[in-house]
């Protein structure tokens, strides 16, 4: 099948906060291969909401490195498409509308807790592959009208005790208990920026993504996002999570692994074909 001849829509969603490494490439390659096998469309989305770490040079490098490695997408910030804009920094109105829907539906509440407050009061430590400790519910009774001249984030109230289940295309049945495996999570940061969970769920729905391929470190995020899909009335996509790539010491690759960045490998005249040889 030729690209775009089926209803399958996959995506690559890199964040320009550093140079892409070989682990990104392997997961993205799985996404591309699954889209190709289905004769579907591959979307490139530039997740550039993190103004603290985002650099324009990383956007240019991201596009160059992906093309060098052999990626081909049919929609994206460089080529357009029917579901643009494809850079998250240009999609704020979409996130604001979703936030208002959550607010009017009673799904979220304002939270004035700092990271230090949460770390000190959290009911359980967060797992190594997840970036949020379980929130203790300190601000659950807050009302926006009661918060004057204080910074706050909007936090999603999870249904405590409910088991969130989904069948992953790679790892099979996954089950997480709300309030136990993960707690109330931030959907809008105190610096007025949409948080990852909200922006990703909203964009995947708006861009009509039918399957999300990403790393296994985001399995728990999928449970959170399924709650957002439900609250917003969106149909969720299918999910396929890939094992994470590690270095020689068994540490999962991160953007600080400069030696295994695509940019460094390209400078050393490595060929994309040789790098993909064992995949």
C-alpha atoms as a PDB file:
ATOM      1  CA  UNK A   1       0.000   0.000   0.000  1.00  0.00           C
ATOM      2  CA  UNK A   2       1.178   3.543  -0.674  1.00  0.00           C
ATOM      3  CA  UNK A   3       1.233   6.106   2.180  1.00  0.00           C
ATOM      4  CA  UNK A   4      -2.086   7.744   2.862  1.00  0.00           C
ATOM      5  CA  UNK A   5      -4.277   5.014   1.331  1.00  0.00           C
ATOM      6  CA  UNK A   6      -5.653   3.760   4.639  1.00  0.00           C
ATOM      7  CA  UNK A   7      -7.227   5.366   7.695  1.00  0.00           C
ATOM      8  CA  UNK A   8      -4.142   4.621   9.808  1.00  0.00           C
ATOM      9  CA  UNK A   9      -2.536   7.763  11.205  1.00  0.00           C
ATOM     10  CA  UNK A  10       0.662   7.550  13.233  1.00  0.00           C
ATOM     11  CA  UNK A  11       2.961  10.244  14.521  1.00  0.00           C
ATOM     12  CA  UNK A  12       6.469  11.254  15.496  1.00  0.00           C
ATOM     13  CA  UNK A  13       6.415  13.738  18.359  1.00  0.00           C
ATOM     14  CA  UNK A  14       9.928  14.896  19.283  1.00  0.00           C
ATOM     15  CA  UNK A  15      10.601  17.752  21.681  1.00  0.00           C
ATOM     16  CA  UNK A  16      13.356  20.232  20.674  1.00  0.00           C
ATOM     17  CA  UNK A  17      15.044  20.323  24.075  1.00  0.00           C
ATOM     18  CA  UNK A  18      18.240  18.628  22.907  1.00  0.00           C
ATOM     19  CA  UNK A  19      19.623  16.530  20.077  1.00  0.00           C
ATOM     20  CA  UNK A  20      17.761  13.347  19.201  1.00  0.00           C
ATOM     21  CA  UNK A  21      19.579  10.159  20.172  1.00  0.00           C
ATOM     22  CA  UNK A  22      19.553   6.591  18.923  1.00  0.00           C
ATOM     23  CA  UNK A  23      16.810   5.593  21.351  1.00  0.00           C
ATOM     24  CA  UNK A  24      14.470   8.184  19.871  1.00  0.00           C
ATOM     25  CA  UNK A  25      15.352   6.961  16.402  1.00  0.00           C
ATOM     26  CA  UNK A  26      14.562   3.333  17.204  1.00  0.00           C
ATOM     27  CA  UNK A  27      11.136   4.153  18.655  1.00  0.00           C
ATOM     28  CA  UNK A  28      10.375   6.552  15.802  1.00  0.00           C
ATOM     29  CA  UNK A  29      11.471   3.884  13.320  1.00  0.00           C
ATOM     30  CA  UNK A  30       8.939   1.471  14.775  1.00  0.00           C
ATOM     31  CA  UNK A  31       6.295   4.180  14.356  1.00  0.00           C
ATOM     32  CA  UNK A  32       7.254   4.733  10.748  1.00  0.00           C
ATOM     33  CA  UNK A  33       7.354   1.030   9.933  1.00  0.00           C
ATOM     34  CA  UNK A  34       3.915   0.487  11.446  1.00  0.00           C
ATOM     35  CA  UNK A  35       2.501   3.402   9.458  1.00  0.00           C
ATOM     36  CA  UNK A  36       4.091   2.084   6.265  1.00  0.00           C
ATOM     37  CA  UNK A  37       2.846  -1.458   6.869  1.00  0.00           C
ATOM     38  CA  UNK A  38      -0.682  -0.099   7.253  1.00  0.00           C
ATOM     39  CA  UNK A  39      -0.383   2.117   4.184  1.00  0.00           C
ATOM     40  CA  UNK A  40      -1.160   5.019   6.468  1.00  0.00           C
ATOM     41  CA  UNK A  41      -0.062   8.584   7.114  1.00  0.00           C
ATOM     42  CA  UNK A  42       2.822   9.609   9.350  1.00  0.00           C
ATOM     43  CA  UNK A  43       2.585  12.983  11.092  1.00  0.00           C
ATOM     44  CA  UNK A  44       5.517  14.945  12.509  1.00  0.00           C
ATOM     45  CA  UNK A  45       4.571  17.138  15.480  1.00  0.00           C
ATOM     46  CA  UNK A  46       7.020  19.585  17.031  1.00  0.00           C
ATOM     47  CA  UNK A  47       6.376  19.497  20.795  1.00  0.00           C
ATOM     48  CA  UNK A  48       7.979  22.842  21.577  1.00  0.00           C
ATOM     49  CA  UNK A  49       6.008  23.958  24.647  1.00  0.00           C
ATOM     50  CA  UNK A  50       8.875  23.761  27.152  1.00  0.00           C
ATOM     51  CA  UNK A  51      10.168  27.330  26.817  1.00  0.00           C
ATOM     52  CA  UNK A  52      12.724  26.745  29.597  1.00  0.00           C
ATOM     53  CA  UNK A  53      14.601  24.104  27.576  1.00  0.00           C
ATOM     54  CA  UNK A  54      13.450  24.661  23.991  1.00  0.00           C
ATOM     55  CA  UNK A  55      15.982  26.124  21.542  1.00  0.00           C
ATOM     56  CA  UNK A  56      15.344  27.022  17.907  1.00  0.00           C
ATOM     57  CA  UNK A  57      18.604  25.345  16.904  1.00  0.00           C
ATOM     58  CA  UNK A  58      17.217  22.041  18.154  1.00  0.00           C
ATOM     59  CA  UNK A  59      14.194  22.365  15.842  1.00  0.00           C
ATOM     60  CA  UNK A  60      16.405  22.725  12.777  1.00  0.00           C
ATOM     61  CA  UNK A  61      18.657  19.908  13.984  1.00  0.00           C
ATOM     62  CA  UNK A  62      15.638  17.702  14.643  1.00  0.00           C
ATOM     63  CA  UNK A  63      14.382  18.042  11.069  1.00  0.00           C
ATOM     64  CA  UNK A  64      17.849  17.555   9.584  1.00  0.00           C
ATOM     65  CA  UNK A  65      18.666  14.508  11.701  1.00  0.00           C
ATOM     66  CA  UNK A  66      15.329  12.808  11.092  1.00  0.00           C
ATOM     67  CA  UNK A  67      15.671  13.252   7.332  1.00  0.00           C
ATOM     68  CA  UNK A  68      19.279  12.027   7.406  1.00  0.00           C
ATOM     69  CA  UNK A  69      18.220   8.906   9.254  1.00  0.00           C
ATOM     70  CA  UNK A  70      15.620   8.066   6.632  1.00  0.00           C
ATOM     71  CA  UNK A  71      12.355   9.323   8.101  1.00  0.00           C
ATOM     72  CA  UNK A  72       9.612  10.454   5.762  1.00  0.00           C
ATOM     73  CA  UNK A  73       6.433  12.081   7.013  1.00  0.00           C
ATOM     74  CA  UNK A  74       3.428  13.245   5.078  1.00  0.00           C
ATOM     75  CA  UNK A  75       2.290  16.048   7.425  1.00  0.00           C
ATOM     76  CA  UNK A  76       4.344  18.331   9.626  1.00  0.00           C
ATOM     77  CA  UNK A  77       5.621  21.828  10.412  1.00  0.00           C
ATOM     78  CA  UNK A  78       7.839  21.828   7.323  1.00  0.00           C
ATOM     79  CA  UNK A  79       5.281  20.518   4.823  1.00  0.00           C
ATOM     80  CA  UNK A  80       1.866  21.424   6.227  1.00  0.00           C
ATOM     81  CA  UNK A  81      -1.267  19.297   6.160  1.00  0.00           C
ATOM     82  CA  UNK A  82      -4.958  19.352   6.985  1.00  0.00           C
ATOM     83  CA  UNK A  83      -4.541  19.246  10.776  1.00  0.00           C
ATOM     84  CA  UNK A  84      -2.009  22.000  11.400  1.00  0.00           C
ATOM     85  CA  UNK A  85      -0.407  23.897  12.837  1.00  0.00           C
ATOM     86  CA  UNK A  86       2.050  21.131  13.682  1.00  0.00           C
ATOM     87  CA  UNK A  87       4.100  23.019  16.293  1.00  0.00           C
ATOM     88  CA  UNK A  88       2.530  22.981  19.737  1.00  0.00           C
ATOM     89  CA  UNK A  89       3.596  26.573  20.421  1.00  0.00           C
ATOM     90  CA  UNK A  90       1.089  27.619  17.727  1.00  0.00           C
ATOM     91  CA  UNK A  91      -1.815  25.596  19.138  1.00  0.00           C
ATOM     92  CA  UNK A  92      -2.521  27.407  22.406  1.00  0.00           C
ATOM     93  CA  UNK A  93      -6.168  28.149  21.543  1.00  0.00           C
ATOM     94  CA  UNK A  94      -6.839  24.416  21.229  1.00  0.00           C
ATOM     95  CA  UNK A  95      -5.428  23.752  24.695  1.00  0.00           C
ATOM     96  CA  UNK A  96      -7.287  26.683  26.254  1.00  0.00           C
ATOM     97  CA  UNK A  97     -10.574  25.320  24.882  1.00  0.00           C
ATOM     98  CA  UNK A  98      -9.835  21.875  26.324  1.00  0.00           C
ATOM     99  CA  UNK A  99      -8.899  23.361  29.704  1.00  0.00           C
ATOM    100  CA  UNK A 100     -12.159  25.292  29.836  1.00  0.00           C
ATOM    101  CA  UNK A 101     -14.100  22.119  29.027  1.00  0.00           C
ATOM    102  CA  UNK A 102     -12.374  20.307  31.884  1.00  0.00           C
ATOM    103  CA  UNK A 103     -12.988  23.227  34.229  1.00  0.00           C
ATOM    104  CA  UNK A 104     -16.698  23.540  33.463  1.00  0.00           C
ATOM    105  CA  UNK A 105     -17.042  19.776  33.753  1.00  0.00           C
ATOM    106  CA  UNK A 106     -15.576  19.818  37.267  1.00  0.00           C
ATOM    107  CA  UNK A 107     -12.648  17.566  36.344  1.00  0.00           C
ATOM    108  CA  UNK A 108      -9.868  19.902  37.495  1.00  0.00           C
ATOM    109  CA  UNK A 109      -9.016  22.140  40.436  1.00  0.00           C
ATOM    110  CA  UNK A 110      -6.449  24.880  41.135  1.00  0.00           C
ATOM    111  CA  UNK A 111      -3.377  23.684  43.012  1.00  0.00           C
ATOM    112  CA  UNK A 112      -0.974  26.035  44.773  1.00  0.00           C
ATOM    113  CA  UNK A 113       1.474  23.338  45.904  1.00  0.00           C
ATOM    114  CA  UNK A 114       5.118  23.684  44.963  1.00  0.00           C
ATOM    115  CA  UNK A 115       7.283  20.757  43.876  1.00  0.00           C
ATOM    116  CA  UNK A 116       8.857  20.840  47.337  1.00  0.00           C
ATOM    117  CA  UNK A 117       5.435  20.696  49.015  1.00  0.00           C
ATOM    118  CA  UNK A 118       4.435  17.698  46.927  1.00  0.00           C
ATOM    119  CA  UNK A 119       7.707  15.852  47.477  1.00  0.00           C
ATOM    120  CA  UNK A 120       7.341  16.315  51.221  1.00  0.00           C
ATOM    121  CA  UNK A 121       3.705  15.231  51.424  1.00  0.00           C
ATOM    122  CA  UNK A 122       3.340  12.693  48.637  1.00  0.00           C
ATOM    123  CA  UNK A 123       1.879   9.360  49.673  1.00  0.00           C
ATOM    124  CA  UNK A 124       4.405   7.345  47.677  1.00  0.00           C
ATOM    125  CA  UNK A 125       7.629   7.992  45.782  1.00  0.00           C
ATOM    126  CA  UNK A 126       7.419   8.077  42.020  1.00  0.00           C
ATOM    127  CA  UNK A 127       8.850   5.249  39.991  1.00  0.00           C
ATOM    128  CA  UNK A 128      12.111   5.736  38.139  1.00  0.00           C
ATOM    129  CA  UNK A 129      10.284   5.714  34.803  1.00  0.00           C
ATOM    130  CA  UNK A 130       7.638   8.239  35.804  1.00  0.00           C
ATOM    131  CA  UNK A 131       8.076  11.916  36.584  1.00  0.00           C
ATOM    132  CA  UNK A 132       5.207  12.552  38.995  1.00  0.00           C
ATOM    133  CA  UNK A 133       4.956  11.481  42.635  1.00  0.00           C
ATOM    134  CA  UNK A 134       1.475  10.500  43.786  1.00  0.00           C
ATOM    135  CA  UNK A 135      -0.205  13.742  44.748  1.00  0.00           C
ATOM    136  CA  UNK A 136      -1.694  13.678  48.287  1.00  0.00           C
ATOM    137  CA  UNK A 137      -4.777  15.729  47.402  1.00  0.00           C
ATOM    138  CA  UNK A 138      -3.803  18.775  49.440  1.00  0.00           C
ATOM    139  CA  UNK A 139      -5.657  21.252  47.217  1.00  0.00           C
ATOM    140  CA  UNK A 140      -8.603  19.093  46.137  1.00  0.00           C
ATOM    141  CA  UNK A 141     -11.121  21.385  47.843  1.00  0.00           C
ATOM    142  CA  UNK A 142      -9.670  24.566  46.383  1.00  0.00           C
ATOM    143  CA  UNK A 143     -11.814  26.912  44.364  1.00  0.00           C
ATOM    144  CA  UNK A 144     -10.314  29.423  41.977  1.00  0.00           C
ATOM    145  CA  UNK A 145     -12.308  32.243  43.591  1.00  0.00           C
ATOM    146  CA  UNK A 146     -10.560  31.520  46.885  1.00  0.00           C
ATOM    147  CA  UNK A 147      -7.056  31.906  45.472  1.00  0.00           C
ATOM    148  CA  UNK A 148      -6.001  35.539  45.374  1.00  0.00           C
ATOM    149  CA  UNK A 149      -2.638  36.755  44.055  1.00  0.00           C
ATOM    150  CA  UNK A 150      -1.118  33.291  44.156  1.00  0.00           C
ATOM    151  CA  UNK A 151       0.311  31.225  41.351  1.00  0.00           C
ATOM    152  CA  UNK A 152      -1.445  27.935  40.792  1.00  0.00           C
ATOM    153  CA  UNK A 153      -1.570  25.001  38.420  1.00  0.00           C
ATOM    154  CA  UNK A 154      -4.682  23.195  37.229  1.00  0.00           C
ATOM    155  CA  UNK A 155      -4.693  19.578  38.393  1.00  0.00           C
ATOM    156  CA  UNK A 156      -6.912  16.725  37.132  1.00  0.00           C
ATOM    157  CA  UNK A 157      -8.854  14.885  39.850  1.00  0.00           C
ATOM    158  CA  UNK A 158      -8.484  11.143  39.236  1.00  0.00           C
ATOM    159  CA  UNK A 159     -11.250   8.681  40.193  1.00  0.00           C
ATOM    160  CA  UNK A 160      -9.599   7.052  43.209  1.00  0.00           C
ATOM    161  CA  UNK A 161      -9.748   3.268  43.154  1.00  0.00           C
ATOM    162  CA  UNK A 162     -10.776   2.936  39.499  1.00  0.00           C
ATOM    163  CA  UNK A 163      -8.668   0.549  37.413  1.00  0.00           C
ATOM    164  CA  UNK A 164      -7.631   2.066  34.094  1.00  0.00           C
ATOM    165  CA  UNK A 165      -7.054  -0.723  31.578  1.00  0.00           C
ATOM    166  CA  UNK A 166      -5.865  -0.849  27.990  1.00  0.00           C
ATOM    167  CA  UNK A 167      -4.357  -3.444  25.704  1.00  0.00           C
ATOM    168  CA  UNK A 168      -0.969  -2.311  24.482  1.00  0.00           C
ATOM    169  CA  UNK A 169      -0.005  -3.461  21.011  1.00  0.00           C
ATOM    170  CA  UNK A 170       3.396  -4.614  22.267  1.00  0.00           C
ATOM    171  CA  UNK A 171       3.103  -5.349  25.999  1.00  0.00           C
ATOM    172  CA  UNK A 172      -0.489  -6.612  26.124  1.00  0.00           C
ATOM    173  CA  UNK A 173      -2.950  -5.861  28.916  1.00  0.00           C
ATOM    174  CA  UNK A 174      -1.965  -2.936  31.136  1.00  0.00           C
ATOM    175  CA  UNK A 175      -3.783  -1.964  34.326  1.00  0.00           C
ATOM    176  CA  UNK A 176      -3.191   0.981  36.639  1.00  0.00           C
ATOM    177  CA  UNK A 177      -5.234   1.961  39.682  1.00  0.00           C
ATOM    178  CA  UNK A 178      -6.038   5.659  39.926  1.00  0.00           C
ATOM    179  CA  UNK A 179      -4.996   7.079  43.280  1.00  0.00           C
ATOM    180  CA  UNK A 180      -2.601   4.199  43.875  1.00  0.00           C
ATOM    181  CA  UNK A 181      -0.370   3.887  40.813  1.00  0.00           C
ATOM    182  CA  UNK A 182      -0.752   7.550  39.932  1.00  0.00           C
ATOM    183  CA  UNK A 183      -2.504  10.498  41.511  1.00  0.00           C
ATOM    184  CA  UNK A 184      -4.047  13.808  40.511  1.00  0.00           C
ATOM    185  CA  UNK A 185      -1.869  15.212  37.737  1.00  0.00           C
ATOM    186  CA  UNK A 186      -1.137  18.656  36.352  1.00  0.00           C
ATOM    187  CA  UNK A 187      -2.793  19.635  33.076  1.00  0.00           C
ATOM    188  CA  UNK A 188      -1.853  23.332  33.129  1.00  0.00           C
ATOM    189  CA  UNK A 189       1.325  24.586  34.731  1.00  0.00           C
ATOM    190  CA  UNK A 190       1.612  27.563  37.079  1.00  0.00           C
ATOM    191  CA  UNK A 191       3.572  29.435  34.365  1.00  0.00           C
ATOM    192  CA  UNK A 192       0.485  29.349  32.107  1.00  0.00           C
ATOM    193  CA  UNK A 193       1.803  26.554  29.876  1.00  0.00           C
ATOM    194  CA  UNK A 194      -0.248  23.433  29.001  1.00  0.00           C
ATOM    195  CA  UNK A 195       1.279  20.360  30.621  1.00  0.00           C
ATOM    196  CA  UNK A 196       2.410  17.324  28.647  1.00  0.00           C
ATOM    197  CA  UNK A 197      -0.558  15.093  29.467  1.00  0.00           C
ATOM    198  CA  UNK A 198      -3.130  17.606  28.217  1.00  0.00           C
ATOM    199  CA  UNK A 199      -1.302  18.868  25.143  1.00  0.00           C
ATOM    200  CA  UNK A 200      -0.486  15.384  23.868  1.00  0.00           C
ATOM    201  CA  UNK A 201      -3.985  13.986  24.380  1.00  0.00           C
ATOM    202  CA  UNK A 202      -5.625  17.026  22.792  1.00  0.00           C
ATOM    203  CA  UNK A 203      -3.277  17.016  19.797  1.00  0.00           C
ATOM    204  CA  UNK A 204      -3.521  13.282  19.157  1.00  0.00           C
ATOM    205  CA  UNK A 205      -7.305  13.608  19.136  1.00  0.00           C
ATOM    206  CA  UNK A 206      -7.329  16.759  16.994  1.00  0.00           C
ATOM    207  CA  UNK A 207      -4.900  15.263  14.474  1.00  0.00           C
ATOM    208  CA  UNK A 208      -6.959  12.060  14.356  1.00  0.00           C
ATOM    209  CA  UNK A 209      -4.028   9.833  15.328  1.00  0.00           C
ATOM    210  CA  UNK A 210      -5.198   6.218  15.314  1.00  0.00           C
ATOM    211  CA  UNK A 211      -2.119   4.662  16.975  1.00  0.00           C
ATOM    212  CA  UNK A 212       0.429   6.202  19.316  1.00  0.00           C
ATOM    213  CA  UNK A 213       3.861   4.555  19.222  1.00  0.00           C
ATOM    214  CA  UNK A 214       6.209   5.673  22.006  1.00  0.00           C
ATOM    215  CA  UNK A 215       8.566   4.487  24.741  1.00  0.00           C
ATOM    216  CA  UNK A 216       7.650   2.131  27.567  1.00  0.00           C
ATOM    217  CA  UNK A 217       8.394   4.879  30.115  1.00  0.00           C
ATOM    218  CA  UNK A 218       5.052   6.423  29.101  1.00  0.00           C
ATOM    219  CA  UNK A 219       2.801   3.453  29.901  1.00  0.00           C
ATOM    220  CA  UNK A 220       1.528   5.150  33.050  1.00  0.00           C
ATOM    221  CA  UNK A 221       1.029   8.390  31.132  1.00  0.00           C
ATOM    222  CA  UNK A 222      -1.298   6.474  28.829  1.00  0.00           C
ATOM    223  CA  UNK A 223      -3.551   5.692  31.804  1.00  0.00           C
ATOM    224  CA  UNK A 224      -3.651   9.382  32.700  1.00  0.00           C
ATOM    225  CA  UNK A 225      -4.388  10.384  29.130  1.00  0.00           C
ATOM    226  CA  UNK A 226      -7.205   7.853  28.830  1.00  0.00           C
ATOM    227  CA  UNK A 227      -8.926   9.718  31.666  1.00  0.00           C
ATOM    228  CA  UNK A 228      -8.499  12.955  29.727  1.00  0.00           C
ATOM    229  CA  UNK A 229      -9.912  11.401  26.561  1.00  0.00           C
ATOM    230  CA  UNK A 230     -12.954  10.308  28.521  1.00  0.00           C
ATOM    231  CA  UNK A 231     -13.449  13.652  30.255  1.00  0.00           C
ATOM    232  CA  UNK A 232     -13.131  15.551  26.971  1.00  0.00           C
ATOM    233  CA  UNK A 233     -15.347  13.145  25.027  1.00  0.00           C
ATOM    234  CA  UNK A 234     -12.555  12.086  22.652  1.00  0.00           C
ATOM    235  CA  UNK A 235     -12.104   8.620  21.166  1.00  0.00           C
ATOM    236  CA  UNK A 236      -8.681   7.332  22.278  1.00  0.00           C
ATOM    237  CA  UNK A 237      -6.180   5.918  19.799  1.00  0.00           C
ATOM    238  CA  UNK A 238      -4.528   2.517  20.083  1.00  0.00           C
ATOM    239  CA  UNK A 239      -1.168   2.370  21.838  1.00  0.00           C
ATOM    240  CA  UNK A 240       2.092   0.565  21.095  1.00  0.00           C
ATOM    241  CA  UNK A 241       4.926   1.068  23.598  1.00  0.00           C
ATOM    242  CA  UNK A 242       8.520   0.184  22.729  1.00  0.00           C
ATOM    243  CA  UNK A 243      11.278  -1.048  25.057  1.00  0.00           C
ATOM    244  CA  UNK A 244      13.758   1.674  25.964  1.00  0.00           C
ATOM    245  CA  UNK A 245      17.286   1.633  24.604  1.00  0.00           C
ATOM    246  CA  UNK A 246      20.094   1.617  27.179  1.00  0.00           C
ATOM    247  CA  UNK A 247      23.820   2.342  27.117  1.00  0.00           C
ATOM    248  CA  UNK A 248      26.586  -0.134  27.941  1.00  0.00           C
ATOM    249  CA  UNK A 249      25.989   0.419  31.656  1.00  0.00           C
ATOM    250  CA  UNK A 250      22.301  -0.386  31.339  1.00  0.00           C
ATOM    251  CA  UNK A 251      21.223   3.247  31.784  1.00  0.00           C
ATOM    252  CA  UNK A 252      18.420   4.321  29.492  1.00  0.00           C
ATOM    253  CA  UNK A 253      19.454   6.804  26.840  1.00  0.00           C
ATOM    254  CA  UNK A 254      18.715  10.487  27.416  1.00  0.00           C
ATOM    255  CA  UNK A 255      19.570  13.655  25.537  1.00  0.00           C
ATOM    256  CA  UNK A 256      22.678  14.013  27.696  1.00  0.00           C
ATOM    257  CA  UNK A 257      24.131  10.951  25.896  1.00  0.00           C
ATOM    258  CA  UNK A 258      25.906  13.090  23.305  1.00  0.00           C
ATOM    259  CA  UNK A 259      27.980  10.200  21.980  1.00  0.00           C
ATOM    260  CA  UNK A 260      24.813   8.449  20.825  1.00  0.00           C
ATOM    261  CA  UNK A 261      23.025  11.495  19.451  1.00  0.00           C
ATOM    262  CA  UNK A 262      22.139  11.276  15.778  1.00  0.00           C
ATOM    263  CA  UNK A 263      24.098  14.497  15.215  1.00  0.00           C
ATOM    264  CA  UNK A 264      27.291  12.994  16.662  1.00  0.00           C
ATOM    265  CA  UNK A 265      26.851   9.679  14.865  1.00  0.00           C
ATOM    266  CA  UNK A 266      26.359  11.508  11.574  1.00  0.00           C
ATOM    267  CA  UNK A 267      29.518  13.558  12.184  1.00  0.00           C
ATOM    268  CA  UNK A 268      31.418  10.289  12.687  1.00  0.00           C
ATOM    269  CA  UNK A 269      30.189   9.101   9.250  1.00  0.00           C
ATOM    270  CA  UNK A 270      27.991   6.360  10.674  1.00  0.00           C
ATOM    271  CA  UNK A 271      25.398   5.201   8.183  1.00  0.00           C
ATOM    272  CA  UNK A 272      21.711   5.017   9.152  1.00  0.00           C
ATOM    273  CA  UNK A 273      21.568   1.567   7.553  1.00  0.00           C
ATOM    274  CA  UNK A 274      24.330   0.238   9.814  1.00  0.00           C
ATOM    275  CA  UNK A 275      22.704   1.746  12.892  1.00  0.00           C
ATOM    276  CA  UNK A 276      19.419   0.031  12.055  1.00  0.00           C
ATOM    277  CA  UNK A 277      21.061  -3.289  11.263  1.00  0.00           C
ATOM    278  CA  UNK A 278      20.024  -5.112  14.446  1.00  0.00           C
ATOM    279  CA  UNK A 279      16.553  -3.601  14.706  1.00  0.00           C
END
